Amino acid sequence: MVDVGVQKAYNLLHNFDNRAVARGPATESFSFKLLADLMTNKTLDVPVVSEAFLEGLSPKERASAQKHLAAIEAAGGEAHARNWRRLVGALRKLAPKAVKAAGPGVLQFYVADGKYQMQVFSLEDNRDGKLVIYLPDILAQAIKAKILGGKAPPASAPVQAVEYEIKDGDGQALSIESLPSNFPDPPAHMKSMLGWNRKALRVVLAADSTEQARAAEVLCEIAAKAWAGK
């Protein structure tokens, strides 16, 4: 008897835009295994990139996100893919209003803002061994909560990457830049997160580090308290 989760994964695969998936035997087998893992979550103790997430994207964006994940897996980046799934699932849960693909490897996450929507996260993966997350500036709260070690830079400090130790993180650290509200020439995919007294953090983590991914997820959870229940 076919497992229901696996069958859903199979159906989801074949509902994709045919242009997004090369229909060769190797690709079929690989993609089926990938989607089965995502839908059943039997082997991954992380949030699942589910149908609900995929349905939040246009067909073109959905295919792009799935193609990106498949490329990571195909390159042998199991830990990278696991952390990408973990962060995508977490950010989608924390910012459920909308998700948009802003280019190859870039996702934007939104919450409701009255009758409008407001961007609160961006996830960037250039497949260069790093994952970059943009989120509201909650650095002081994270240090106070003893998630990170160190001290938040003063407002007058120049923008530069600082290594912040992850508490109970086996000596690992996150590279974080504090971006002021008037930061010049920000990346287009997170520009709307600045201005009107809004500041942001640029968090860079090793794509294959579970500890760094967990710490980054906690930072995003702290940020999400600002709009929880609204």
Protein backbone atom coordinates (compact mmCIF):
# COMPACT_ATOMS: atom_id res chain seq x y z
CA MET A 1 0.00 0.00 0.00
CA VAL A 2 1.43 3.40 -0.98
CA ASP A 3 2.10 5.79 1.88
CA VAL A 4 -0.26 8.78 1.67
CA GLY A 5 2.56 11.30 2.09
CA VAL A 6 4.59 9.70 -0.66
CA GLN A 7 1.56 9.64 -2.96
CA LYS A 8 0.97 13.34 -2.28
CA ALA A 9 4.61 14.03 -3.09
CA TYR A 10 4.28 12.08 -6.33
CA ASN A 11 1.13 13.95 -7.31
CA LEU A 12 2.75 17.27 -6.44
CA LEU A 13 5.74 16.48 -8.61
CA HIS A 14 3.59 15.73 -11.63
CA ASN A 15 1.52 18.87 -11.14
CA PHE A 16 4.62 21.04 -11.57
CA ASP A 17 5.09 23.08 -14.71
CA ASN A 18 6.68 20.65 -17.17
CA ARG A 19 9.16 23.34 -18.15
CA ALA A 20 10.63 23.35 -14.64
CA VAL A 21 11.60 19.67 -14.48
CA ALA A 22 13.58 17.75 -17.07
CA ARG A 23 11.69 14.49 -17.49
CA GLY A 24 14.52 12.00 -17.58
CA PRO A 25 14.62 8.75 -15.56
CA ALA A 26 17.34 10.05 -13.23
CA THR A 27 15.51 13.32 -12.61
CA GLU A 28 12.21 11.56 -12.00
CA SER A 29 13.78 9.24 -9.44
CA PHE A 30 15.71 12.00 -7.71
CA SER A 31 12.81 14.46 -7.60
CA PHE A 32 10.43 11.79 -6.34
CA LYS A 33 12.75 10.96 -3.45
CA LEU A 34 13.24 14.64 -2.67
CA LEU A 35 9.54 15.43 -2.57
CA ALA A 36 8.75 12.27 -0.64
CA ASP A 37 11.21 13.36 2.04
CA LEU A 38 9.66 16.83 2.11
CA MET A 39 6.08 15.60 2.36
CA THR A 40 6.57 12.75 4.84
CA ASN A 41 9.36 14.36 6.90
CA LYS A 42 10.50 10.87 7.92
CA THR A 43 14.20 11.62 7.88
CA LEU A 44 14.36 15.31 8.76
CA ASP A 45 13.72 16.78 12.19
CA VAL A 46 13.06 20.20 10.69
CA PRO A 47 10.05 22.18 9.43
CA VAL A 48 8.77 20.82 6.12
CA VAL A 49 8.65 22.75 2.86
CA SER A 50 5.05 21.73 2.31
CA GLU A 51 2.30 22.12 -0.26
CA ALA A 52 1.09 25.13 1.76
CA PHE A 53 4.42 26.86 1.14
CA LEU A 54 4.48 25.93 -2.53
CA GLU A 55 0.93 27.18 -3.01
CA GLY A 56 2.06 30.58 -1.76
CA LEU A 57 4.13 30.98 -4.92
CA SER A 58 3.14 31.52 -8.51
CA PRO A 59 3.77 28.49 -10.76
CA LYS A 60 6.98 30.09 -12.04
CA GLU A 61 8.24 30.95 -8.55
CA ARG A 62 7.23 27.55 -7.20
CA ALA A 63 9.18 25.80 -9.92
CA SER A 64 12.16 28.09 -9.29
CA ALA A 65 12.21 27.31 -5.55
CA GLN A 66 11.95 23.57 -6.17
CA LYS A 67 14.64 23.73 -8.85
CA HIS A 68 16.93 25.58 -6.44
CA LEU A 69 16.52 22.92 -3.77
CA ALA A 70 17.05 20.15 -6.29
CA ALA A 71 20.30 21.80 -7.43
CA ILE A 72 21.59 21.89 -3.85
CA GLU A 73 20.78 18.22 -3.36
CA ALA A 74 22.28 17.25 -6.70
CA ALA A 75 25.55 18.97 -5.74
CA GLY A 76 25.77 16.74 -2.67
CA GLY A 77 24.88 19.47 -0.21
CA GLU A 78 22.69 17.42 2.12
CA ALA A 79 23.34 19.63 5.17
CA HIS A 80 22.91 22.75 3.04
CA ALA A 81 19.56 21.51 1.73
CA ARG A 82 18.44 20.51 5.21
CA ASN A 83 19.21 23.96 6.60
CA TRP A 84 17.55 25.69 3.64
CA ARG A 85 14.39 23.64 4.21
CA ARG A 86 14.56 24.36 7.91
CA LEU A 87 14.83 28.11 7.45
CA VAL A 88 12.25 28.33 4.65
CA GLY A 89 9.75 26.40 6.77
CA ALA A 90 10.43 28.53 9.84
CA LEU A 91 10.25 31.86 8.03
CA ARG A 92 7.04 30.88 6.26
CA LYS A 93 5.49 30.00 9.62
CA LEU A 94 6.62 33.26 11.23
CA ALA A 95 5.55 35.38 8.25
CA PRO A 96 2.51 33.61 6.78
CA LYS A 97 0.91 36.39 4.73
CA ALA A 98 2.91 35.93 1.54
CA VAL A 99 6.18 34.71 0.10
CA LYS A 100 7.75 35.90 -3.13
CA ALA A 101 10.74 34.80 -5.18
CA ALA A 102 12.90 37.83 -5.93
CA GLY A 103 15.39 36.12 -8.20
CA PRO A 104 17.44 32.91 -8.22
CA GLY A 105 17.89 31.70 -4.65
CA VAL A 106 16.14 34.70 -3.06
CA LEU A 107 12.85 34.58 -1.15
CA GLN A 108 10.95 37.42 0.54
CA PHE A 109 8.52 36.84 3.42
CA TYR A 110 5.61 39.08 4.40
CA VAL A 111 3.14 39.63 7.23
CA ALA A 112 -0.19 41.43 7.13
CA ASP A 113 -0.07 45.19 7.71
CA GLY A 114 -3.68 46.31 7.85
CA LYS A 115 -5.06 45.80 4.36
CA TYR A 116 -1.51 45.76 3.00
CA GLN A 117 1.49 43.52 3.56
CA MET A 118 4.92 44.24 5.00
CA GLN A 119 8.18 42.46 4.27
CA VAL A 120 9.91 41.19 7.40
CA PHE A 121 12.43 38.60 6.19
CA SER A 122 14.54 37.79 3.18
CA LEU A 123 16.50 34.59 2.59
CA GLU A 124 19.36 34.64 0.09
CA ASP A 125 21.20 31.55 -1.13
CA ASN A 126 23.75 32.06 -3.88
CA ARG A 127 24.99 28.47 -3.49
CA ASP A 128 28.41 29.78 -2.43
CA GLY A 129 28.52 27.94 0.90
CA LYS A 130 26.62 30.68 2.75
CA LEU A 131 23.02 31.51 3.61
CA VAL A 132 22.08 35.13 4.23
CA ILE A 133 19.02 36.19 6.22
CA TYR A 134 17.75 39.74 6.54
CA LEU A 135 15.47 40.41 9.52
CA PRO A 136 14.42 43.29 11.77
CA ASP A 137 17.15 44.54 14.11
CA ILE A 138 16.67 42.56 17.33
CA LEU A 139 20.38 42.23 18.10
CA ALA A 140 20.14 43.85 21.54
CA GLN A 141 17.28 41.55 22.53
CA ALA A 142 19.19 38.47 21.34
CA ILE A 143 22.22 39.45 23.40
CA LYS A 144 20.08 40.23 26.44
CA ALA A 145 18.36 36.83 26.10
CA LYS A 146 21.83 35.23 25.99
CA ILE A 147 21.27 33.76 22.55
CA LEU A 148 24.39 35.59 21.38
CA GLY A 149 27.48 36.86 23.15
CA GLY A 150 29.05 40.27 22.69
CA LYS A 151 27.66 43.79 22.61
CA ALA A 152 25.44 45.53 20.09
CA PRO A 153 27.31 48.30 18.23
CA PRO A 154 26.43 51.93 18.97
CA ALA A 155 24.28 53.73 16.44
CA SER A 156 27.28 55.80 15.34
CA ALA A 157 29.41 52.74 14.52
CA PRO A 158 30.25 52.07 10.85
CA VAL A 159 28.40 49.20 9.19
CA GLN A 160 30.62 46.14 9.32
CA ALA A 161 30.28 42.42 9.92
CA VAL A 162 30.86 41.34 13.51
CA GLU A 163 31.20 37.76 14.74
CA TYR A 164 28.77 37.07 17.59
CA GLU A 165 29.30 33.87 19.54
CA ILE A 166 26.33 31.51 19.69
CA LYS A 167 25.73 30.64 23.33
CA ASP A 168 25.88 26.85 23.78
CA GLY A 169 26.78 26.65 20.10
CA ASP A 170 29.98 24.60 20.32
CA GLY A 171 32.11 27.69 19.77
CA GLN A 172 30.35 28.71 16.55
CA ALA A 173 29.38 32.27 15.69
CA LEU A 174 27.11 34.25 13.41
CA SER A 175 28.41 37.05 11.23
CA ILE A 176 26.00 39.96 11.67
CA GLU A 177 25.82 43.46 10.20
CA SER A 178 23.51 46.06 11.71
CA LEU A 179 21.98 48.09 8.87
CA PRO A 180 20.66 51.54 9.82
CA SER A 181 17.38 52.92 8.56
CA ASN A 182 19.20 55.13 6.06
CA PHE A 183 21.64 52.46 4.84
CA PRO A 184 22.72 53.45 1.30
CA ASP A 185 22.09 51.18 -1.68
CA PRO A 186 20.59 48.18 0.12
CA PRO A 187 19.89 45.02 -1.89
CA ALA A 188 16.65 45.37 -3.81
CA HIS A 189 15.14 42.26 -2.23
CA MET A 190 15.25 43.77 1.29
CA LYS A 191 15.08 47.51 0.57
CA SER A 192 11.53 47.77 1.89
CA MET A 193 12.71 46.51 5.29
CA LEU A 194 14.52 49.80 5.90
CA GLY A 195 13.29 53.37 6.31
CA TRP A 196 10.61 54.88 8.54
CA ASN A 197 12.86 54.11 11.53
CA ARG A 198 13.09 50.46 10.51
CA LYS A 199 16.54 48.90 10.88
CA ALA A 200 17.64 45.44 9.83
CA LEU A 201 20.24 42.77 10.44
CA ARG A 202 22.20 40.94 7.77
CA VAL A 203 23.01 37.53 9.19
CA VAL A 204 25.46 35.31 7.34
CA LEU A 205 25.78 31.65 8.25
CA ALA A 206 27.59 28.63 6.89
CA ALA A 207 25.10 26.78 4.71
CA ASP A 208 26.03 23.41 6.23
CA SER A 209 26.02 24.44 9.92
CA THR A 210 23.08 23.14 11.92
CA GLU A 211 24.03 25.20 14.97
CA GLN A 212 24.14 28.42 12.99
CA ALA A 213 20.82 27.65 11.30
CA ARG A 214 19.21 26.99 14.68
CA ALA A 215 20.56 30.25 16.09
CA ALA A 216 19.37 32.20 13.06
CA GLU A 217 15.92 30.68 13.43
CA VAL A 218 15.78 31.80 17.08
CA LEU A 219 16.67 35.35 16.04
CA CYS A 220 13.77 35.32 13.59
CA GLU A 221 11.44 34.02 16.30
CA ILE A 222 12.44 36.93 18.52
CA ALA A 223 11.73 39.37 15.68
CA ALA A 224 8.32 37.81 15.03
CA LYS A 225 7.13 38.73 18.53
CA ALA A 226 6.68 42.28 17.22
CA TRP A 227 3.75 41.24 15.00
CA ALA A 228 2.50 38.07 16.68
CA GLY A 229 -1.24 38.17 17.29
CA LYS A 230 -1.83 41.21 15.07
